[in-house]
Amino acid sequence: MGWCSATEIFDTIVTSLTAYEEVDKETIIKELIISLENSDWDCQQDSIYWDHPLVRKCFKATSPELFEE
């Protein structure tokens, strides 16, 4: 069995990567977060990049509810 929804995520990211001469890492990470969350990703904190400053900034921008106490 495959994970067909991954195709949509892949296509979203590749579209972003190929649309511009220079790639903005922050934009790509945000688009990846949004695509994954739209496919019911709910274990963001398990990423090894959870505490990376750029990744944390992107999560705060796209998913501020993850940081509410």
Protein backbone atom coordinates (compact mmCIF):
# COMPACT_ATOMS: atom_id res chain seq x y z
CA MET A 1 0.00 0.00 0.00
CA GLY A 2 1.17 3.49 -0.76
CA TRP A 3 0.58 6.83 0.82
CA CYS A 4 -1.09 8.64 -2.07
CA SER A 5 -1.56 11.90 -0.19
CA ALA A 6 2.22 12.18 -0.14
CA THR A 7 2.06 12.92 -3.88
CA GLU A 8 0.17 16.13 -3.20
CA ILE A 9 2.73 17.15 -0.58
CA PHE A 10 5.61 16.29 -2.90
CA ASP A 11 4.05 18.24 -5.75
CA THR A 12 3.46 21.28 -3.54
CA ILE A 13 7.07 21.41 -2.43
CA VAL A 14 8.56 20.73 -5.86
CA THR A 15 6.32 23.43 -7.34
CA SER A 16 7.71 25.87 -4.80
CA LEU A 17 11.28 24.78 -5.39
CA THR A 18 11.06 25.02 -9.16
CA ALA A 19 9.05 28.25 -9.30
CA TYR A 20 11.91 30.52 -8.30
CA GLU A 21 15.54 31.01 -9.23
CA GLU A 22 16.48 31.39 -5.60
CA VAL A 23 14.74 29.35 -2.95
CA ASP A 24 13.56 30.92 0.28
CA LYS A 25 13.99 28.22 2.92
CA GLU A 26 11.43 29.78 5.22
CA THR A 27 8.75 29.77 2.54
CA ILE A 28 9.45 26.17 1.61
CA ILE A 29 9.38 25.00 5.23
CA LYS A 30 6.10 26.82 5.82
CA GLU A 31 4.56 25.25 2.72
CA LEU A 32 5.77 21.83 3.85
CA ILE A 33 4.26 22.30 7.31
CA ILE A 34 0.95 23.41 5.84
CA SER A 35 0.85 20.52 3.37
CA LEU A 36 1.62 17.95 6.04
CA GLU A 37 -0.87 19.41 8.50
CA ASN A 38 -3.54 19.42 5.80
CA SER A 39 -2.92 15.67 5.60
CA ASP A 40 -3.52 15.31 9.35
CA TRP A 41 0.07 15.55 10.55
CA ASP A 42 -0.19 15.79 14.31
CA CYS A 43 3.22 14.83 15.64
CA GLN A 44 5.20 17.94 14.72
CA GLN A 45 7.04 17.93 18.04
CA ASP A 46 8.59 14.57 17.11
CA SER A 47 10.67 16.14 14.35
CA ILE A 48 14.38 16.30 15.02
CA TYR A 49 14.14 19.88 13.75
CA TRP A 50 11.50 20.97 16.28
CA ASP A 51 14.02 23.16 18.15
CA HIS A 52 15.84 24.48 15.07
CA PRO A 53 15.45 28.29 15.10
CA LEU A 54 14.22 28.59 11.50
CA VAL A 55 11.87 25.63 11.79
CA ARG A 56 10.52 26.91 15.11
CA LYS A 57 9.87 30.30 13.52
CA CYS A 58 7.97 28.61 10.68
CA PHE A 59 5.86 26.53 13.06
CA LYS A 60 5.02 29.62 15.10
CA ALA A 61 3.92 31.42 11.92
CA THR A 62 1.84 28.56 10.48
CA SER A 63 0.66 26.79 13.64
CA PRO A 64 0.67 29.20 16.57
CA GLU A 65 -1.77 26.97 18.46
CA LEU A 66 1.11 24.53 19.01
CA PHE A 67 2.65 27.08 21.37
CA GLU A 68 -0.39 28.02 23.40
CA GLU A 69 -0.27 27.01 27.01
